[in-house]
Amino acid sequence: MTHDLETHVSLAPSQTEKMNPLRIKGGENLTFLTMKLNLKTLRDHQIRGYGLQKYSNDFKPTPPGFNVADVKARILLGK
């Protein structure tokens, strides 16, 4: 039995290596990869409206209907 899995962290779409700094492809072999991600910067970006997000060089805009209340709850969990 083969389990095909592809997971990646998407950031700014300007360059492939910036957009997907960590990409995992795999099957039966488990691999753990780590990367540093500034969560404060990510959460600050997610709270901004689309008008400000679209000019970001660090992250892609959040999708339509993105729930900012969930982001605020995650920020409180981290305190």
PDB file of N, CA and C in Angstrom:
ATOM      1  N   MET A   1       0.844  -1.176   0.000  1.00  0.00           N
ATOM      2  CA  MET A   1       0.000   0.000   0.000  1.00  0.00           C
ATOM      3  C   MET A   1       0.890   1.241   0.000  1.00  0.00           C
ATOM      4  N   THR A   2       0.633   2.149  -0.893  1.00  0.00           N
ATOM      5  CA  THR A   2       1.412   3.377  -0.980  1.00  0.00           C
ATOM      6  C   THR A   2       0.541   4.560  -0.593  1.00  0.00           C
ATOM      7  N   HIS A   3       1.074   5.404   0.269  1.00  0.00           N
ATOM      8  CA  HIS A   3       0.379   6.623   0.656  1.00  0.00           C
ATOM      9  C   HIS A   3       1.141   7.780   0.049  1.00  0.00           C
ATOM     10  N   ASP A   4       0.564   8.433  -0.922  1.00  0.00           N
ATOM     11  CA  ASP A   4       1.222   9.565  -1.557  1.00  0.00           C
ATOM     12  C   ASP A   4       0.832  10.833  -0.818  1.00  0.00           C
ATOM     13  N   LEU A   5       1.807  11.612  -0.450  1.00  0.00           N
ATOM     14  CA  LEU A   5       1.564  12.816   0.340  1.00  0.00           C
ATOM     15  C   LEU A   5       2.405  13.948  -0.197  1.00  0.00           C
ATOM     16  N   GLU A   6       1.782  15.113  -0.337  1.00  0.00           N
ATOM     17  CA  GLU A   6       2.536  16.306  -0.699  1.00  0.00           C
ATOM     18  C   GLU A   6       2.050  17.433   0.192  1.00  0.00           C
ATOM     19  N   THR A   7       2.963  17.999   0.942  1.00  0.00           N
ATOM     20  CA  THR A   7       2.632  19.087   1.841  1.00  0.00           C
ATOM     21  C   THR A   7       3.670  20.171   1.656  1.00  0.00           C
ATOM     22  N   HIS A   8       3.224  21.438   1.703  1.00  0.00           N
ATOM     23  CA  HIS A   8       4.181  22.525   1.608  1.00  0.00           C
ATOM     24  C   HIS A   8       3.650  23.749   2.325  1.00  0.00           C
ATOM     25  N   VAL A   9       4.577  24.614   2.691  1.00  0.00           N
ATOM     26  CA  VAL A   9       4.252  25.892   3.312  1.00  0.00           C
ATOM     27  C   VAL A   9       4.338  26.936   2.218  1.00  0.00           C
ATOM     28  N   SER A  10       3.244  27.638   1.950  1.00  0.00           N
ATOM     29  CA  SER A  10       3.234  28.641   0.883  1.00  0.00           C
ATOM     30  C   SER A  10       3.413  30.030   1.456  1.00  0.00           C
ATOM     31  N   LEU A  11       4.323  30.762   0.893  1.00  0.00           N
ATOM     32  CA  LEU A  11       4.579  32.132   1.311  1.00  0.00           C
ATOM     33  C   LEU A  11       4.353  33.055   0.127  1.00  0.00           C
ATOM     34  N   ALA A  12       5.199  34.026  -0.071  1.00  0.00           N
ATOM     35  CA  ALA A  12       5.029  34.979  -1.175  1.00  0.00           C
ATOM     36  C   ALA A  12       5.221  34.284  -2.518  1.00  0.00           C
ATOM     37  N   PRO A  13       4.385  34.589  -3.503  1.00  0.00           N
ATOM     38  CA  PRO A  13       4.475  33.902  -4.782  1.00  0.00           C
ATOM     39  C   PRO A  13       5.513  34.470  -5.745  1.00  0.00           C
ATOM     40  N   SER A  14       6.438  35.297  -5.280  1.00  0.00           N
ATOM     41  CA  SER A  14       7.367  35.965  -6.186  1.00  0.00           C
ATOM     42  C   SER A  14       8.389  35.020  -6.809  1.00  0.00           C
ATOM     43  N   GLN A  15       8.922  34.094  -6.058  1.00  0.00           N
ATOM     44  CA  GLN A  15       9.901  33.138  -6.562  1.00  0.00           C
ATOM     45  C   GLN A  15       9.574  31.777  -5.970  1.00  0.00           C
ATOM     46  N   THR A  16       9.821  30.716  -6.740  1.00  0.00           N
ATOM     47  CA  THR A  16       9.469  29.373  -6.283  1.00  0.00           C
ATOM     48  C   THR A  16      10.112  29.038  -4.946  1.00  0.00           C
ATOM     49  N   GLU A  17      11.394  29.343  -4.786  1.00  0.00           N
ATOM     50  CA  GLU A  17      12.068  28.992  -3.529  1.00  0.00           C
ATOM     51  C   GLU A  17      11.560  29.817  -2.347  1.00  0.00           C
ATOM     52  N   LYS A  18      11.011  30.990  -2.629  1.00  0.00           N
ATOM     53  CA  LYS A  18      10.402  31.790  -1.563  1.00  0.00           C
ATOM     54  C   LYS A  18       8.971  31.324  -1.309  1.00  0.00           C
ATOM     55  N   MET A  19       8.254  30.985  -2.373  1.00  0.00           N
ATOM     56  CA  MET A  19       6.859  30.591  -2.222  1.00  0.00           C
ATOM     57  C   MET A  19       6.731  29.267  -1.475  1.00  0.00           C
ATOM     58  N   ASN A  20       7.610  28.327  -1.740  1.00  0.00           N
ATOM     59  CA  ASN A  20       7.573  27.017  -1.106  1.00  0.00           C
ATOM     60  C   ASN A  20       8.935  26.716  -0.476  1.00  0.00           C
ATOM     61  N   PRO A  21       9.251  27.351   0.654  1.00  0.00           N
ATOM     62  CA  PRO A  21      10.565  27.130   1.254  1.00  0.00           C
ATOM     63  C   PRO A  21      10.724  25.717   1.806  1.00  0.00           C
ATOM     64  N   LEU A  22       9.622  25.029   2.022  1.00  0.00           N
ATOM     65  CA  LEU A  22       9.664  23.671   2.536  1.00  0.00           C
ATOM     66  C   LEU A  22       8.612  22.863   1.795  1.00  0.00           C
ATOM     67  N   ARG A  23       9.050  21.857   1.047  1.00  0.00           N
ATOM     68  CA  ARG A  23       8.121  21.015   0.292  1.00  0.00           C
ATOM     69  C   ARG A  23       8.447  19.564   0.608  1.00  0.00           C
ATOM     70  N   ILE A  24       7.410  18.813   0.920  1.00  0.00           N
ATOM     71  CA  ILE A  24       7.584  17.414   1.298  1.00  0.00           C
ATOM     72  C   ILE A  24       6.809  16.554   0.313  1.00  0.00           C
ATOM     73  N   LYS A  25       7.481  15.570  -0.249  1.00  0.00           N
ATOM     74  CA  LYS A  25       6.820  14.568  -1.073  1.00  0.00           C
ATOM     75  C   LYS A  25       7.223  13.226  -0.487  1.00  0.00           C
ATOM     76  N   GLY A  26       6.282  12.336  -0.393  1.00  0.00           N
ATOM     77  CA  GLY A  26       6.669  11.067   0.184  1.00  0.00           C
ATOM     78  C   GLY A  26       5.644   9.991  -0.002  1.00  0.00           C
ATOM     79  N   GLY A  27       6.016   8.846   0.472  1.00  0.00           N
ATOM     80  CA  GLY A  27       5.160   7.681   0.427  1.00  0.00           C
ATOM     81  C   GLY A  27       5.220   7.013   1.782  1.00  0.00           C
ATOM     82  N   GLU A  28       5.856   5.850   1.840  1.00  0.00           N
ATOM     83  CA  GLU A  28       5.899   5.068   3.074  1.00  0.00           C
ATOM     84  C   GLU A  28       7.007   5.503   4.028  1.00  0.00           C
ATOM     85  N   ASN A  29       8.039   6.167   3.556  1.00  0.00           N
ATOM     86  CA  ASN A  29       9.135   6.603   4.421  1.00  0.00           C
ATOM     87  C   ASN A  29       8.760   7.906   5.100  1.00  0.00           C
ATOM     88  N   LEU A  30       8.761   7.906   6.421  1.00  0.00           N
ATOM     89  CA  LEU A  30       8.448   9.120   7.165  1.00  0.00           C
ATOM     90  C   LEU A  30       9.689   9.985   7.307  1.00  0.00           C
ATOM     91  N   THR A  31       9.548  11.257   7.030  1.00  0.00           N
ATOM     92  CA  THR A  31      10.644  12.207   7.158  1.00  0.00           C
ATOM     93  C   THR A  31      10.117  13.439   7.867  1.00  0.00           C
ATOM     94  N   PHE A  32      10.898  13.949   8.800  1.00  0.00           N
ATOM     95  CA  PHE A  32      10.524  15.172   9.493  1.00  0.00           C
ATOM     96  C   PHE A  32      11.474  16.276   9.075  1.00  0.00           C
ATOM     97  N   LEU A  33      10.928  17.329   8.518  1.00  0.00           N
ATOM     98  CA  LEU A  33      11.715  18.488   8.131  1.00  0.00           C
ATOM     99  C   LEU A  33      11.237  19.666   8.954  1.00  0.00           C
ATOM    100  N   THR A  34      12.155  20.543   9.281  1.00  0.00           N
ATOM    101  CA  THR A  34      11.777  21.725  10.051  1.00  0.00           C
ATOM    102  C   THR A  34      12.248  22.973   9.333  1.00  0.00           C
ATOM    103  N   MET A  35      11.608  24.077   9.653  1.00  0.00           N
ATOM    104  CA  MET A  35      12.034  25.373   9.147  1.00  0.00           C
ATOM    105  C   MET A  35      11.619  26.417  10.164  1.00  0.00           C
ATOM    106  N   LYS A  36      12.283  27.523  10.156  1.00  0.00           N
ATOM    107  CA  LYS A  36      11.907  28.617  11.039  1.00  0.00           C
ATOM    108  C   LYS A  36      10.895  29.492  10.326  1.00  0.00           C
ATOM    109  N   LEU A  37       9.821  29.801  11.022  1.00  0.00           N
ATOM    110  CA  LEU A  37       8.765  30.644  10.479  1.00  0.00           C
ATOM    111  C   LEU A  37       8.371  31.630  11.566  1.00  0.00           C
ATOM    112  N   ASN A  38       8.504  32.908  11.280  1.00  0.00           N
ATOM    113  CA  ASN A  38       8.171  33.938  12.253  1.00  0.00           C
ATOM    114  C   ASN A  38       6.651  34.040  12.354  1.00  0.00           C
ATOM    115  N   LEU A  39       6.080  33.410  13.390  1.00  0.00           N
ATOM    116  CA  LEU A  39       4.629  33.369  13.536  1.00  0.00           C
ATOM    117  C   LEU A  39       4.025  34.746  13.781  1.00  0.00           C
ATOM    118  N   LYS A  40       4.732  35.619  14.487  1.00  0.00           N
ATOM    119  CA  LYS A  40       4.203  36.970  14.728  1.00  0.00           C
ATOM    120  C   LYS A  40       4.014  37.698  13.397  1.00  0.00           C
ATOM    121  N   THR A  41       5.014  37.600  12.515  1.00  0.00           N
ATOM    122  CA  THR A  41       4.921  38.236  11.201  1.00  0.00           C
ATOM    123  C   THR A  41       3.781  37.631  10.387  1.00  0.00           C
ATOM    124  N   LEU A  42       3.645  36.303  10.439  1.00  0.00           N
ATOM    125  CA  LEU A  42       2.562  35.635   9.721  1.00  0.00           C
ATOM    126  C   LEU A  42       1.204  36.076  10.255  1.00  0.00           C
ATOM    127  N   ARG A  43       1.031  36.067  11.571  1.00  0.00           N
ATOM    128  CA  ARG A  43      -0.257  36.447  12.168  1.00  0.00           C
ATOM    129  C   ARG A  43      -0.581  37.920  11.890  1.00  0.00           C
ATOM    130  N   ASP A  44       0.422  38.796  11.968  1.00  0.00           N
ATOM    131  CA  ASP A  44       0.203  40.217  11.651  1.00  0.00           C
ATOM    132  C   ASP A  44      -0.302  40.366  10.212  1.00  0.00           C
ATOM    133  N   HIS A  45       0.295  39.597   9.316  1.00  0.00           N
ATOM    134  CA  HIS A  45      -0.120  39.629   7.907  1.00  0.00           C
ATOM    135  C   HIS A  45      -1.557  39.129   7.757  1.00  0.00           C
ATOM    136  N   GLN A  46      -1.893  38.037   8.440  1.00  0.00           N
ATOM    137  CA  GLN A  46      -3.224  37.442   8.310  1.00  0.00           C
ATOM    138  C   GLN A  46      -4.319  38.365   8.829  1.00  0.00           C
ATOM    139  N   ILE A  47      -4.007  39.217   9.800  1.00  0.00           N
ATOM    140  CA  ILE A  47      -4.996  40.129  10.364  1.00  0.00           C
ATOM    141  C   ILE A  47      -5.284  41.304   9.429  1.00  0.00           C
ATOM    142  N   ARG A  48      -4.304  41.682   8.605  1.00  0.00           N
ATOM    143  CA  ARG A  48      -4.505  42.795   7.669  1.00  0.00           C
ATOM    144  C   ARG A  48      -5.567  42.443   6.637  1.00  0.00           C
ATOM    145  N   GLY A  49      -6.218  43.425   6.113  1.00  0.00           N
ATOM    146  CA  GLY A  49      -7.181  43.208   5.037  1.00  0.00           C
ATOM    147  C   GLY A  49      -6.471  42.898   3.729  1.00  0.00           C
ATOM    148  N   TYR A  50      -7.223  42.398   2.772  1.00  0.00           N
ATOM    149  CA  TYR A  50      -6.650  42.021   1.478  1.00  0.00           C
ATOM    150  C   TYR A  50      -5.929  43.188   0.814  1.00  0.00           C
ATOM    151  N   GLY A  51      -6.463  44.391   0.953  1.00  0.00           N
ATOM    152  CA  GLY A  51      -5.857  45.568   0.332  1.00  0.00           C
ATOM    153  C   GLY A  51      -4.413  45.782   0.741  1.00  0.00           C
ATOM    154  N   LEU A  52      -4.078  45.466   1.989  1.00  0.00           N
ATOM    155  CA  LEU A  52      -2.692  45.576   2.460  1.00  0.00           C
ATOM    156  C   LEU A  52      -1.911  44.295   2.201  1.00  0.00           C
ATOM    157  N   GLN A  53      -2.589  43.161   2.265  1.00  0.00           N
ATOM    158  CA  GLN A  53      -1.908  41.874   2.062  1.00  0.00           C
ATOM    159  C   GLN A  53      -1.360  41.716   0.649  1.00  0.00           C
ATOM    160  N   LYS A  54      -2.075  42.244  -0.329  1.00  0.00           N
ATOM    161  CA  LYS A  54      -1.668  41.993  -1.718  1.00  0.00           C
ATOM    162  C   LYS A  54      -0.332  42.637  -2.076  1.00  0.00           C
ATOM    163  N   TYR A  55       0.138  43.582  -1.264  1.00  0.00           N
ATOM    164  CA  TYR A  55       1.426  44.226  -1.534  1.00  0.00           C
ATOM    165  C   TYR A  55       2.569  43.607  -0.732  1.00  0.00           C
ATOM    166  N   SER A  56       2.282  42.565   0.013  1.00  0.00           N
ATOM    167  CA  SER A  56       3.298  41.915   0.840  1.00  0.00           C
ATOM    168  C   SER A  56       4.292  41.132  -0.014  1.00  0.00           C
ATOM    169  N   ASN A  57       5.558  41.224   0.349  1.00  0.00           N
ATOM    170  CA  ASN A  57       6.590  40.407  -0.291  1.00  0.00           C
ATOM    171  C   ASN A  57       6.891  39.157   0.527  1.00  0.00           C
ATOM    172  N   ASP A  58       6.250  39.030   1.686  1.00  0.00           N
ATOM    173  CA  ASP A  58       6.548  37.920   2.584  1.00  0.00           C
ATOM    174  C   ASP A  58       5.542  36.779   2.499  1.00  0.00           C
ATOM    175  N   PHE A  59       4.259  37.085   2.323  1.00  0.00           N
ATOM    176  CA  PHE A  59       3.227  36.064   2.333  1.00  0.00           C
ATOM    177  C   PHE A  59       2.184  36.344   1.260  1.00  0.00           C
ATOM    178  N   LYS A  60       1.508  35.287   0.835  1.00  0.00           N
ATOM    179  CA  LYS A  60       0.394  35.439  -0.098  1.00  0.00           C
ATOM    180  C   LYS A  60      -0.814  35.978   0.653  1.00  0.00           C
ATOM    181  N   PRO A  61      -1.745  36.631  -0.049  1.00  0.00           N
ATOM    182  CA  PRO A  61      -2.983  37.075   0.603  1.00  0.00           C
ATOM    183  C   PRO A  61      -3.795  35.875   1.098  1.00  0.00           C
ATOM    184  N   THR A  62      -4.534  36.088   2.159  1.00  0.00           N
ATOM    185  CA  THR A  62      -5.405  35.033   2.660  1.00  0.00           C
ATOM    186  C   THR A  62      -6.585  34.855   1.710  1.00  0.00           C
ATOM    187  N   PRO A  63      -7.194  33.679   1.696  1.00  0.00           N
ATOM    188  CA  PRO A  63      -8.300  33.434   0.769  1.00  0.00           C
ATOM    189  C   PRO A  63      -9.562  34.191   1.174  1.00  0.00           C
ATOM    190  N   PRO A  64     -10.496  34.366   0.235  1.00  0.00           N
ATOM    191  CA  PRO A  64     -11.768  35.010   0.567  1.00  0.00           C
ATOM    192  C   PRO A  64     -12.471  34.236   1.690  1.00  0.00           C
ATOM    193  N   GLY A  65     -13.078  34.962   2.609  1.00  0.00           N
ATOM    194  CA  GLY A  65     -13.778  34.326   3.715  1.00  0.00           C
ATOM    195  C   GLY A  65     -12.881  33.859   4.844  1.00  0.00           C
ATOM    196  N   PHE A  66     -11.600  34.226   4.782  1.00  0.00           N
ATOM    197  CA  PHE A  66     -10.648  33.830   5.830  1.00  0.00           C
ATOM    198  C   PHE A  66     -11.108  34.411   7.163  1.00  0.00           C
ATOM    199  N   ASN A  67     -11.150  33.583   8.192  1.00  0.00           N
ATOM    200  CA  ASN A  67     -11.670  33.983   9.493  1.00  0.00           C
ATOM    201  C   ASN A  67     -10.570  34.592  10.362  1.00  0.00           C
ATOM    202  N   VAL A  68     -10.552  35.907  10.458  1.00  0.00           N
ATOM    203  CA  VAL A  68      -9.541  36.621  11.253  1.00  0.00           C
ATOM    204  C   VAL A  68      -9.713  36.322  12.744  1.00  0.00           C
ATOM    205  N   ALA A  69     -10.929  36.013  13.182  1.00  0.00           N
ATOM    206  CA  ALA A  69     -11.163  35.685  14.592  1.00  0.00           C
ATOM    207  C   ALA A  69     -10.364  34.452  14.999  1.00  0.00           C
ATOM    208  N   ASP A  70     -10.196  33.492  14.083  1.00  0.00           N
ATOM    209  CA  ASP A  70      -9.381  32.310  14.379  1.00  0.00           C
ATOM    210  C   ASP A  70      -7.925  32.691  14.598  1.00  0.00           C
ATOM    211  N   VAL A  71      -7.431  33.634  13.810  1.00  0.00           N
ATOM    212  CA  VAL A  71      -6.045  34.099  13.957  1.00  0.00           C
ATOM    213  C   VAL A  71      -5.869  34.769  15.314  1.00  0.00           C
ATOM    214  N   LYS A  72      -6.808  35.622  15.672  1.00  0.00           N
ATOM    215  CA  LYS A  72      -6.730  36.306  16.968  1.00  0.00           C
ATOM    216  C   LYS A  72      -6.763  35.304  18.122  1.00  0.00           C
ATOM    217  N   ALA A  73      -7.548  34.235  17.987  1.00  0.00           N
ATOM    218  CA  ALA A  73      -7.596  33.189  19.014  1.00  0.00           C
ATOM    219  C   ALA A  73      -6.252  32.461  19.109  1.00  0.00           C
ATOM    220  N   ARG A  74      -5.603  32.209  17.958  1.00  0.00           N
ATOM    221  CA  ARG A  74      -4.293  31.558  17.969  1.00  0.00           C
ATOM    222  C   ARG A  74      -3.241  32.450  18.630  1.00  0.00           C
ATOM    223  N   ILE A  75      -3.351  33.757  18.396  1.00  0.00           N
ATOM    224  CA  ILE A  75      -2.409  34.696  19.020  1.00  0.00           C
ATOM    225  C   ILE A  75      -2.552  34.618  20.536  1.00  0.00           C
ATOM    226  N   LEU A  76      -3.789  34.584  21.031  1.00  0.00           N
ATOM    227  CA  LEU A  76      -4.014  34.491  22.472  1.00  0.00           C
ATOM    228  C   LEU A  76      -3.507  33.181  23.051  1.00  0.00           C
ATOM    229  N   LEU A  77      -3.602  32.086  22.294  1.00  0.00           N
ATOM    230  CA  LEU A  77      -3.091  30.799  22.756  1.00  0.00           C
ATOM    231  C   LEU A  77      -1.575  30.828  22.948  1.00  0.00           C
ATOM    232  N   GLY A  78      -0.891  31.629  22.129  1.00  0.00           N
ATOM    233  CA  GLY A  78       0.563  31.700  22.182  1.00  0.00           C
ATOM    234  C   GLY A  78       1.106  32.574  23.274  1.00  0.00           C
ATOM    235  N   LYS A  79       0.248  33.312  23.981  1.00  0.00           N
ATOM    236  CA  LYS A  79       0.717  34.219  25.027  1.00  0.00           C
ATOM    237  C   LYS A  79       0.898  33.500  26.330  1.00  0.00           C
TER     238      LYS A  79
END
